[in-house]
């Protein structure tokens, strides 16, 4: 019997984790905002989202752990940017619009 299914589940696990991280409304909003703005800090996101800084930071940590966002330090300020280009394509598919 010919097995047409890929037995290497590592790539499926990676993509699944990426999708799980994006499957939260706040995280999806953060990602979409970063794609539009290019980069920003937690304080800016907190104001836009009207959520406590600790909540925004927790969501950012999840996005960082999945490799979706990365940080760039500028003096005392830490800015977040998108680290995974696949995310841009996904958000364009989800929302049907061009992003920067």
PDB file of N, CA and C in Angstrom:
ATOM      1  N   UNK A   1       0.851  -1.181   0.000  1.00  0.00           N
ATOM      2  CA  UNK A   1       0.000   0.000   0.000  1.00  0.00           C
ATOM      3  C   UNK A   1       0.895   1.241   0.000  1.00  0.00           C
ATOM      4  N   UNK A   2       0.636   2.151  -0.923  1.00  0.00           N
ATOM      5  CA  UNK A   2       1.414   3.385  -1.044  1.00  0.00           C
ATOM      6  C   UNK A   2       0.939   4.390  -0.002  1.00  0.00           C
ATOM      7  N   UNK A   3       1.888   4.928   0.774  1.00  0.00           N
ATOM      8  CA  UNK A   3       1.540   5.895   1.804  1.00  0.00           C
ATOM      9  C   UNK A   3       1.831   7.309   1.290  1.00  0.00           C
ATOM     10  N   UNK A   4       0.783   8.053   0.977  1.00  0.00           N
ATOM     11  CA  UNK A   4       0.932   9.401   0.437  1.00  0.00           C
ATOM     12  C   UNK A   4       1.020  10.469   1.520  1.00  0.00           C
ATOM     13  N   UNK A   5       0.858  10.093   2.762  1.00  0.00           N
ATOM     14  CA  UNK A   5       0.903  11.072   3.836  1.00  0.00           C
ATOM     15  C   UNK A   5       2.322  11.207   4.362  1.00  0.00           C
ATOM     16  N   UNK A   6       2.729  12.444   4.596  1.00  0.00           N
ATOM     17  CA  UNK A   6       4.065  12.748   5.112  1.00  0.00           C
ATOM     18  C   UNK A   6       4.118  12.357   6.583  1.00  0.00           C
ATOM     19  N   UNK A   7       5.034  11.482   6.914  1.00  0.00           N
ATOM     20  CA  UNK A   7       5.155  11.013   8.296  1.00  0.00           C
ATOM     21  C   UNK A   7       5.978  11.958   9.175  1.00  0.00           C
ATOM     22  N   UNK A   8       6.557  12.995   8.587  1.00  0.00           N
ATOM     23  CA  UNK A   8       7.339  13.953   9.356  1.00  0.00           C
ATOM     24  C   UNK A   8       6.401  15.025   9.906  1.00  0.00           C
ATOM     25  N   UNK A   9       5.978  14.836  11.145  1.00  0.00           N
ATOM     26  CA  UNK A   9       4.996  15.743  11.726  1.00  0.00           C
ATOM     27  C   UNK A   9       5.611  17.011  12.298  1.00  0.00           C
ATOM     28  N   UNK A  10       6.928  17.130  12.283  1.00  0.00           N
ATOM     29  CA  UNK A  10       7.562  18.318  12.857  1.00  0.00           C
ATOM     30  C   UNK A  10       7.100  19.589  12.150  1.00  0.00           C
ATOM     31  N   UNK A  11       7.048  19.550  10.817  1.00  0.00           N
ATOM     32  CA  UNK A  11       6.603  20.749  10.094  1.00  0.00           C
ATOM     33  C   UNK A  11       5.138  21.057  10.397  1.00  0.00           C
ATOM     34  N   UNK A  12       4.333  20.036  10.610  1.00  0.00           N
ATOM     35  CA  UNK A  12       2.924  20.255  10.940  1.00  0.00           C
ATOM     36  C   UNK A  12       2.787  20.837  12.340  1.00  0.00           C
ATOM     37  N   UNK A  13       3.625  20.380  13.254  1.00  0.00           N
ATOM     38  CA  UNK A  13       3.606  20.924  14.613  1.00  0.00           C
ATOM     39  C   UNK A  13       3.972  22.396  14.609  1.00  0.00           C
ATOM     40  N   UNK A  14       4.987  22.770  13.834  1.00  0.00           N
ATOM     41  CA  UNK A  14       5.417  24.166  13.771  1.00  0.00           C
ATOM     42  C   UNK A  14       4.290  25.060  13.249  1.00  0.00           C
ATOM     43  N   UNK A  15       3.683  24.657  12.148  1.00  0.00           N
ATOM     44  CA  UNK A  15       2.603  25.446  11.557  1.00  0.00           C
ATOM     45  C   UNK A  15       1.401  25.491  12.488  1.00  0.00           C
ATOM     46  N   UNK A  16       1.108  24.381  13.138  1.00  0.00           N
ATOM     47  CA  UNK A  16      -0.001  24.330  14.084  1.00  0.00           C
ATOM     48  C   UNK A  16       0.208  25.311  15.237  1.00  0.00           C
ATOM     49  N   UNK A  17       1.433  25.368  15.765  1.00  0.00           N
ATOM     50  CA  UNK A  17       1.742  26.307  16.857  1.00  0.00           C
ATOM     51  C   UNK A  17       1.604  27.750  16.380  1.00  0.00           C
ATOM     52  N   UNK A  18       2.036  28.030  15.174  1.00  0.00           N
ATOM     53  CA  UNK A  18       1.904  29.370  14.601  1.00  0.00           C
ATOM     54  C   UNK A  18       0.432  29.767  14.512  1.00  0.00           C
ATOM     55  N   UNK A  19      -0.387  28.856  13.997  1.00  0.00           N
ATOM     56  CA  UNK A  19      -1.820  29.138  13.865  1.00  0.00           C
ATOM     57  C   UNK A  19      -2.498  29.280  15.225  1.00  0.00           C
ATOM     58  N   UNK A  20      -2.091  28.472  16.200  1.00  0.00           N
ATOM     59  CA  UNK A  20      -2.659  28.588  17.549  1.00  0.00           C
ATOM     60  C   UNK A  20      -2.332  29.949  18.151  1.00  0.00           C
ATOM     61  N   UNK A  21      -1.112  30.415  17.936  1.00  0.00           N
ATOM     62  CA  UNK A  21      -0.720  31.715  18.480  1.00  0.00           C
ATOM     63  C   UNK A  21      -1.527  32.840  17.841  1.00  0.00           C
ATOM     64  N   UNK A  22      -1.834  32.707  16.573  1.00  0.00           N
ATOM     65  CA  UNK A  22      -2.616  33.736  15.871  1.00  0.00           C
ATOM     66  C   UNK A  22      -4.114  33.624  16.143  1.00  0.00           C
ATOM     67  N   UNK A  23      -4.535  32.527  16.750  1.00  0.00           N
ATOM     68  CA  UNK A  23      -5.967  32.250  16.930  1.00  0.00           C
ATOM     69  C   UNK A  23      -6.585  33.000  18.109  1.00  0.00           C
ATOM     70  N   UNK A  24      -5.899  33.991  18.650  1.00  0.00           N
ATOM     71  CA  UNK A  24      -6.458  34.811  19.728  1.00  0.00           C
ATOM     72  C   UNK A  24      -6.703  36.210  19.170  1.00  0.00           C
ATOM     73  N   UNK A  25      -7.877  36.806  19.425  1.00  0.00           N
ATOM     74  CA  UNK A  25      -8.198  38.107  18.829  1.00  0.00           C
ATOM     75  C   UNK A  25      -7.181  39.202  19.158  1.00  0.00           C
ATOM     76  N   UNK A  26      -6.693  39.244  20.385  1.00  0.00           N
ATOM     77  CA  UNK A  26      -5.730  40.283  20.757  1.00  0.00           C
ATOM     78  C   UNK A  26      -4.413  40.085  20.008  1.00  0.00           C
ATOM     79  N   UNK A  27      -3.938  38.847  19.943  1.00  0.00           N
ATOM     80  CA  UNK A  27      -2.676  38.592  19.249  1.00  0.00           C
ATOM     81  C   UNK A  27      -2.809  38.875  17.748  1.00  0.00           C
ATOM     82  N   UNK A  28      -3.932  38.515  17.175  1.00  0.00           N
ATOM     83  CA  UNK A  28      -4.170  38.793  15.763  1.00  0.00           C
ATOM     84  C   UNK A  28      -4.195  40.307  15.519  1.00  0.00           C
ATOM     85  N   UNK A  29      -4.804  41.034  16.427  1.00  0.00           N
ATOM     86  CA  UNK A  29      -4.849  42.498  16.340  1.00  0.00           C
ATOM     87  C   UNK A  29      -3.443  43.090  16.454  1.00  0.00           C
ATOM     88  N   UNK A  30      -2.639  42.579  17.378  1.00  0.00           N
ATOM     89  CA  UNK A  30      -1.256  43.044  17.536  1.00  0.00           C
ATOM     90  C   UNK A  30      -0.480  42.810  16.241  1.00  0.00           C
ATOM     91  N   UNK A  31      -0.586  41.615  15.695  1.00  0.00           N
ATOM     92  CA  UNK A  31       0.144  41.276  14.472  1.00  0.00           C
ATOM     93  C   UNK A  31      -0.298  42.171  13.322  1.00  0.00           C
ATOM     94  N   UNK A  32      -1.592  42.358  13.158  1.00  0.00           N
ATOM     95  CA  UNK A  32      -2.100  43.199  12.071  1.00  0.00           C
ATOM     96  C   UNK A  32      -1.605  44.629  12.246  1.00  0.00           C
ATOM     97  N   UNK A  33      -1.631  45.123  13.484  1.00  0.00           N
ATOM     98  CA  UNK A  33      -1.145  46.471  13.752  1.00  0.00           C
ATOM     99  C   UNK A  33       0.337  46.627  13.454  1.00  0.00           C
ATOM    100  N   UNK A  34       1.129  45.627  13.828  1.00  0.00           N
ATOM    101  CA  UNK A  34       2.570  45.679  13.552  1.00  0.00           C
ATOM    102  C   UNK A  34       2.853  45.637  12.055  1.00  0.00           C
ATOM    103  N   UNK A  35       2.068  44.870  11.334  1.00  0.00           N
ATOM    104  CA  UNK A  35       2.257  44.814   9.883  1.00  0.00           C
ATOM    105  C   UNK A  35       1.943  46.164   9.245  1.00  0.00           C
ATOM    106  N   UNK A  36       0.933  46.862   9.752  1.00  0.00           N
ATOM    107  CA  UNK A  36       0.559  48.166   9.206  1.00  0.00           C
ATOM    108  C   UNK A  36       1.557  49.247   9.604  1.00  0.00           C
ATOM    109  N   UNK A  37       1.984  49.240  10.873  1.00  0.00           N
ATOM    110  CA  UNK A  37       2.836  50.296  11.409  1.00  0.00           C
ATOM    111  C   UNK A  37       4.318  50.010  11.198  1.00  0.00           C
ATOM    112  N   UNK A  38       4.689  48.750  11.094  1.00  0.00           N
ATOM    113  CA  UNK A  38       6.096  48.393  10.928  1.00  0.00           C
ATOM    114  C   UNK A  38       6.750  47.986  12.239  1.00  0.00           C
ATOM    115  N   UNK A  39       6.616  48.820  13.249  1.00  0.00           N
ATOM    116  CA  UNK A  39       7.155  48.521  14.579  1.00  0.00           C
ATOM    117  C   UNK A  39       6.481  49.431  15.598  1.00  0.00           C
ATOM    118  N   UNK A  40       6.421  48.998  16.834  1.00  0.00           N
ATOM    119  CA  UNK A  40       5.963  49.860  17.927  1.00  0.00           C
ATOM    120  C   UNK A  40       6.286  49.206  19.258  1.00  0.00           C
ATOM    121  N   UNK A  41       6.122  49.984  20.333  1.00  0.00           N
ATOM    122  CA  UNK A  41       6.435  49.490  21.670  1.00  0.00           C
ATOM    123  C   UNK A  41       5.165  49.085  22.416  1.00  0.00           C
ATOM    124  N   UNK A  42       5.354  48.502  23.580  1.00  0.00           N
ATOM    125  CA  UNK A  42       4.224  47.996  24.372  1.00  0.00           C
ATOM    126  C   UNK A  42       3.280  49.130  24.780  1.00  0.00           C
ATOM    127  N   UNK A  43       3.844  50.268  25.146  1.00  0.00           N
ATOM    128  CA  UNK A  43       3.010  51.402  25.563  1.00  0.00           C
ATOM    129  C   UNK A  43       2.044  51.843  24.482  1.00  0.00           C
ATOM    130  N   UNK A  44       2.527  51.910  23.259  1.00  0.00           N
ATOM    131  CA  UNK A  44       1.676  52.293  22.133  1.00  0.00           C
ATOM    132  C   UNK A  44       0.573  51.260  21.931  1.00  0.00           C
ATOM    133  N   UNK A  45       0.957  49.984  21.972  1.00  0.00           N
ATOM    134  CA  UNK A  45      -0.034  48.909  21.798  1.00  0.00           C
ATOM    135  C   UNK A  45      -1.077  48.944  22.910  1.00  0.00           C
ATOM    136  N   UNK A  46      -0.608  49.193  24.127  1.00  0.00           N
ATOM    137  CA  UNK A  46      -1.508  49.239  25.279  1.00  0.00           C
ATOM    138  C   UNK A  46      -2.565  50.326  25.079  1.00  0.00           C
ATOM    139  N   UNK A  47      -2.144  51.493  24.595  1.00  0.00           N
ATOM    140  CA  UNK A  47      -3.090  52.584  24.349  1.00  0.00           C
ATOM    141  C   UNK A  47      -4.083  52.210  23.256  1.00  0.00           C
ATOM    142  N   UNK A  48      -3.586  51.639  22.168  1.00  0.00           N
ATOM    143  CA  UNK A  48      -4.461  51.271  21.047  1.00  0.00           C
ATOM    144  C   UNK A  48      -5.463  50.194  21.444  1.00  0.00           C
ATOM    145  N   UNK A  49      -4.993  49.204  22.192  1.00  0.00           N
ATOM    146  CA  UNK A  49      -5.837  48.067  22.557  1.00  0.00           C
ATOM    147  C   UNK A  49      -6.679  48.340  23.799  1.00  0.00           C
ATOM    148  N   UNK A  50      -6.304  49.374  24.559  1.00  0.00           N
ATOM    149  CA  UNK A  50      -6.962  49.699  25.825  1.00  0.00           C
ATOM    150  C   UNK A  50      -6.994  48.489  26.761  1.00  0.00           C
ATOM    151  N   UNK A  51      -5.818  47.880  26.903  1.00  0.00           N
ATOM    152  CA  UNK A  51      -5.629  46.732  27.794  1.00  0.00           C
ATOM    153  C   UNK A  51      -4.472  47.035  28.731  1.00  0.00           C
ATOM    154  N   UNK A  52      -4.429  46.390  29.893  1.00  0.00           N
ATOM    155  CA  UNK A  52      -3.288  46.582  30.802  1.00  0.00           C
ATOM    156  C   UNK A  52      -1.976  46.155  30.137  1.00  0.00           C
ATOM    157  N   UNK A  53      -0.893  46.832  30.507  1.00  0.00           N
ATOM    158  CA  UNK A  53       0.415  46.519  29.923  1.00  0.00           C
ATOM    159  C   UNK A  53       0.790  45.064  30.155  1.00  0.00           C
ATOM    160  N   UNK A  54       0.442  44.527  31.322  1.00  0.00           N
ATOM    161  CA  UNK A  54       0.783  43.133  31.617  1.00  0.00           C
ATOM    162  C   UNK A  54       0.090  42.175  30.648  1.00  0.00           C
ATOM    163  N   UNK A  55      -1.132  42.480  30.281  1.00  0.00           N
ATOM    164  CA  UNK A  55      -1.874  41.644  29.330  1.00  0.00           C
ATOM    165  C   UNK A  55      -1.228  41.697  27.952  1.00  0.00           C
ATOM    166  N   UNK A  56      -0.907  42.904  27.500  1.00  0.00           N
ATOM    167  CA  UNK A  56      -0.267  43.065  26.192  1.00  0.00           C
ATOM    168  C   UNK A  56       1.077  42.339  26.189  1.00  0.00           C
ATOM    169  N   UNK A  57       1.841  42.476  27.274  1.00  0.00           N
ATOM    170  CA  UNK A  57       3.153  41.823  27.372  1.00  0.00           C
ATOM    171  C   UNK A  57       3.037  40.308  27.321  1.00  0.00           C
ATOM    172  N   UNK A  58       2.012  39.752  27.959  1.00  0.00           N
ATOM    173  CA  UNK A  58       1.805  38.298  27.919  1.00  0.00           C
ATOM    174  C   UNK A  58       1.538  37.827  26.495  1.00  0.00           C
ATOM    175  N   UNK A  59       0.724  38.575  25.769  1.00  0.00           N
ATOM    176  CA  UNK A  59       0.428  38.205  24.380  1.00  0.00           C
ATOM    177  C   UNK A  59       1.680  38.334  23.516  1.00  0.00           C
ATOM    178  N   UNK A  60       2.458  39.374  23.748  1.00  0.00           N
ATOM    179  CA  UNK A  60       3.701  39.549  22.993  1.00  0.00           C
ATOM    180  C   UNK A  60       4.689  38.428  23.281  1.00  0.00           C
ATOM    181  N   UNK A  61       4.734  37.982  24.527  1.00  0.00           N
ATOM    182  CA  UNK A  61       5.637  36.882  24.878  1.00  0.00           C
ATOM    183  C   UNK A  61       5.252  35.609  24.122  1.00  0.00           C
ATOM    184  N   UNK A  62       3.963  35.344  24.008  1.00  0.00           N
ATOM    185  CA  UNK A  62       3.495  34.176  23.251  1.00  0.00           C
ATOM    186  C   UNK A  62       3.897  34.309  21.785  1.00  0.00           C
ATOM    187  N   UNK A  63       3.720  35.498  21.222  1.00  0.00           N
ATOM    188  CA  UNK A  63       4.095  35.727  19.829  1.00  0.00           C
ATOM    189  C   UNK A  63       5.605  35.597  19.627  1.00  0.00           C
ATOM    190  N   UNK A  64       6.380  36.043  20.598  1.00  0.00           N
ATOM    191  CA  UNK A  64       7.842  35.911  20.520  1.00  0.00           C
ATOM    192  C   UNK A  64       8.269  34.453  20.603  1.00  0.00           C
ATOM    193  N   UNK A  65       7.648  33.711  21.509  1.00  0.00           N
ATOM    194  CA  UNK A  65       8.039  32.311  21.701  1.00  0.00           C
ATOM    195  C   UNK A  65       7.757  31.476  20.453  1.00  0.00           C
ATOM    196  N   UNK A  66       6.804  31.902  19.643  1.00  0.00           N
ATOM    197  CA  UNK A  66       6.491  31.196  18.400  1.00  0.00           C
ATOM    198  C   UNK A  66       7.273  31.758  17.214  1.00  0.00           C
ATOM    199  N   UNK A  67       8.096  32.764  17.451  1.00  0.00           N
ATOM    200  CA  UNK A  67       8.895  33.343  16.374  1.00  0.00           C
ATOM    201  C   UNK A  67       8.119  34.257  15.445  1.00  0.00           C
ATOM    202  N   UNK A  68       6.953  34.711  15.885  1.00  0.00           N
ATOM    203  CA  UNK A  68       6.124  35.579  15.048  1.00  0.00           C
ATOM    204  C   UNK A  68       6.613  37.022  15.109  1.00  0.00           C
ATOM    205  N   UNK A  69       7.002  37.479  16.301  1.00  0.00           N
ATOM    206  CA  UNK A  69       7.542  38.828  16.457  1.00  0.00           C
ATOM    207  C   UNK A  69       8.950  38.755  17.047  1.00  0.00           C
ATOM    208  N   UNK A  70       9.693  39.826  16.850  1.00  0.00           N
ATOM    209  CA  UNK A  70      11.014  39.961  17.453  1.00  0.00           C
ATOM    210  C   UNK A  70      11.135  41.366  18.031  1.00  0.00           C
ATOM    211  N   UNK A  71      12.121  41.546  18.893  1.00  0.00           N
ATOM    212  CA  UNK A  71      12.319  42.849  19.519  1.00  0.00           C
ATOM    213  C   UNK A  71      13.558  43.523  18.952  1.00  0.00           C
ATOM    214  N   UNK A  72      13.492  44.834  18.950  1.00  0.00           N
ATOM    215  CA  UNK A  72      14.628  45.666  18.574  1.00  0.00           C
ATOM    216  C   UNK A  72      14.741  46.754  19.626  1.00  0.00           C
ATOM    217  N   UNK A  73      15.908  46.845  20.254  1.00  0.00           N
ATOM    218  CA  UNK A  73      16.116  47.838  21.307  1.00  0.00           C
ATOM    219  C   UNK A  73      16.637  49.130  20.685  1.00  0.00           C
ATOM    220  N   UNK A  74      16.020  50.238  21.120  1.00  0.00           N
ATOM    221  CA  UNK A  74      16.444  51.569  20.700  1.00  0.00           C
ATOM    222  C   UNK A  74      16.617  52.399  21.973  1.00  0.00           C
ATOM    223  N   UNK A  75      17.818  52.362  22.548  1.00  0.00           N
ATOM    224  CA  UNK A  75      18.043  53.001  23.845  1.00  0.00           C
ATOM    225  C   UNK A  75      17.277  52.231  24.906  1.00  0.00           C
ATOM    226  N   UNK A  76      16.400  52.922  25.614  1.00  0.00           N
ATOM    227  CA  UNK A  76      15.580  52.274  26.647  1.00  0.00           C
ATOM    228  C   UNK A  76      14.295  51.678  26.077  1.00  0.00           C
ATOM    229  N   UNK A  77      13.968  52.069  24.870  1.00  0.00           N
ATOM    230  CA  UNK A  77      12.717  51.620  24.256  1.00  0.00           C
ATOM    231  C   UNK A  77      12.912  50.283  23.536  1.00  0.00           C
ATOM    232  N   UNK A  78      11.944  49.400  23.727  1.00  0.00           N
ATOM    233  CA  UNK A  78      11.942  48.114  23.023  1.00  0.00           C
ATOM    234  C   UNK A  78      10.780  48.120  22.035  1.00  0.00           C
ATOM    235  N   UNK A  79      11.113  47.989  20.776  1.00  0.00           N
ATOM    236  CA  UNK A  79      10.100  47.947  19.723  1.00  0.00           C
ATOM    237  C   UNK A  79       9.930  46.525  19.223  1.00  0.00           C
ATOM    238  N   UNK A  80       8.706  46.211  18.843  1.00  0.00           N
ATOM    239  CA  UNK A  80       8.377  44.898  18.299  1.00  0.00           C
ATOM    240  C   UNK A  80       8.146  45.021  16.805  1.00  0.00           C
ATOM    241  N   UNK A  81       8.604  44.009  16.063  1.00  0.00           N
ATOM    242  CA  UNK A  81       8.384  43.921  14.625  1.00  0.00           C
ATOM    243  C   UNK A  81       8.019  42.470  14.278  1.00  0.00           C
ATOM    244  N   UNK A  82       7.482  42.287  13.102  1.00  0.00           N
ATOM    245  CA  UNK A  82       7.135  40.945  12.634  1.00  0.00           C
ATOM    246  C   UNK A  82       8.415  40.226  12.204  1.00  0.00           C
ATOM    247  N   UNK A  83       8.569  38.998  12.664  1.00  0.00           N
ATOM    248  CA  UNK A  83       9.774  38.213  12.379  1.00  0.00           C
ATOM    249  C   UNK A  83       9.537  37.125  11.330  1.00  0.00           C
ATOM    250  N   UNK A  84       8.296  36.765  11.104  1.00  0.00           N
ATOM    251  CA  UNK A  84       7.976  35.643  10.211  1.00  0.00           C
ATOM    252  C   UNK A  84       7.132  36.159   9.042  1.00  0.00           C
ATOM    253  N   UNK A  85       7.703  36.138   7.859  1.00  0.00           N
ATOM    254  CA  UNK A  85       7.021  36.660   6.673  1.00  0.00           C
ATOM    255  C   UNK A  85       5.732  35.899   6.332  1.00  0.00           C
ATOM    256  N   UNK A  86       5.640  34.654   6.748  1.00  0.00           N
ATOM    257  CA  UNK A  86       4.418  33.873   6.469  1.00  0.00           C
ATOM    258  C   UNK A  86       3.204  34.524   7.108  1.00  0.00           C
ATOM    259  N   UNK A  87       3.439  35.199   8.241  1.00  0.00           N
ATOM    260  CA  UNK A  87       2.344  35.836   8.972  1.00  0.00           C
ATOM    261  C   UNK A  87       1.713  36.944   8.133  1.00  0.00           C
ATOM    262  N   UNK A  88       2.539  37.690   7.416  1.00  0.00           N
ATOM    263  CA  UNK A  88       2.018  38.756   6.556  1.00  0.00           C
ATOM    264  C   UNK A  88       1.063  38.167   5.519  1.00  0.00           C
ATOM    265  N   UNK A  89       1.464  37.063   4.909  1.00  0.00           N
ATOM    266  CA  UNK A  89       0.617  36.423   3.907  1.00  0.00           C
ATOM    267  C   UNK A  89      -0.695  35.943   4.521  1.00  0.00           C
ATOM    268  N   UNK A  90      -0.610  35.351   5.713  1.00  0.00           N
ATOM    269  CA  UNK A  90      -1.822  34.859   6.381  1.00  0.00           C
ATOM    270  C   UNK A  90      -2.788  35.993   6.700  1.00  0.00           C
ATOM    271  N   UNK A  91      -2.269  37.084   7.240  1.00  0.00           N
ATOM    272  CA  UNK A  91      -3.134  38.219   7.606  1.00  0.00           C
ATOM    273  C   UNK A  91      -3.772  38.813   6.358  1.00  0.00           C
ATOM    274  N   UNK A  92      -3.030  38.868   5.261  1.00  0.00           N
ATOM    275  CA  UNK A  92      -3.612  39.366   4.012  1.00  0.00           C
ATOM    276  C   UNK A  92      -4.744  38.452   3.545  1.00  0.00           C
ATOM    277  N   UNK A  93      -4.572  37.156   3.716  1.00  0.00           N
ATOM    278  CA  UNK A  93      -5.630  36.203   3.352  1.00  0.00           C
ATOM    279  C   UNK A  93      -6.830  36.384   4.280  1.00  0.00           C
ATOM    280  N   UNK A  94      -6.573  36.472   5.594  1.00  0.00           N
ATOM    281  CA  UNK A  94      -7.669  36.591   6.572  1.00  0.00           C
ATOM    282  C   UNK A  94      -8.493  37.848   6.361  1.00  0.00           C
ATOM    283  N   UNK A  95      -7.810  38.968   6.111  1.00  0.00           N
ATOM    284  CA  UNK A  95      -8.505  40.273   6.065  1.00  0.00           C
ATOM    285  C   UNK A  95      -8.668  40.827   4.660  1.00  0.00           C
ATOM    286  N   UNK A  96      -8.091  40.160   3.661  1.00  0.00           N
ATOM    287  CA  UNK A  96      -8.276  40.578   2.276  1.00  0.00           C
ATOM    288  C   UNK A  96      -7.785  41.958   1.962  1.00  0.00           C
ATOM    289  N   UNK A  97      -6.652  42.366   2.555  1.00  0.00           N
ATOM    290  CA  UNK A  97      -6.136  43.700   2.275  1.00  0.00           C
ATOM    291  C   UNK A  97      -4.616  43.674   2.223  1.00  0.00           C
ATOM    292  N   UNK A  98      -4.072  44.629   1.501  1.00  0.00           N
ATOM    293  CA  UNK A  98      -2.612  44.751   1.406  1.00  0.00           C
ATOM    294  C   UNK A  98      -2.094  45.445   2.653  1.00  0.00           C
ATOM    295  N   UNK A  99      -0.988  44.944   3.162  1.00  0.00           N
ATOM    296  CA  UNK A  99      -0.333  45.557   4.316  1.00  0.00           C
ATOM    297  C   UNK A  99       1.082  45.922   3.898  1.00  0.00           C
ATOM    298  N   UNK A 100       1.586  46.992   4.481  1.00  0.00           N
ATOM    299  CA  UNK A 100       2.908  47.537   4.127  1.00  0.00           C
ATOM    300  C   UNK A 100       3.862  46.576   3.500  1.00  0.00           C
TER     301      UNK A 100
END
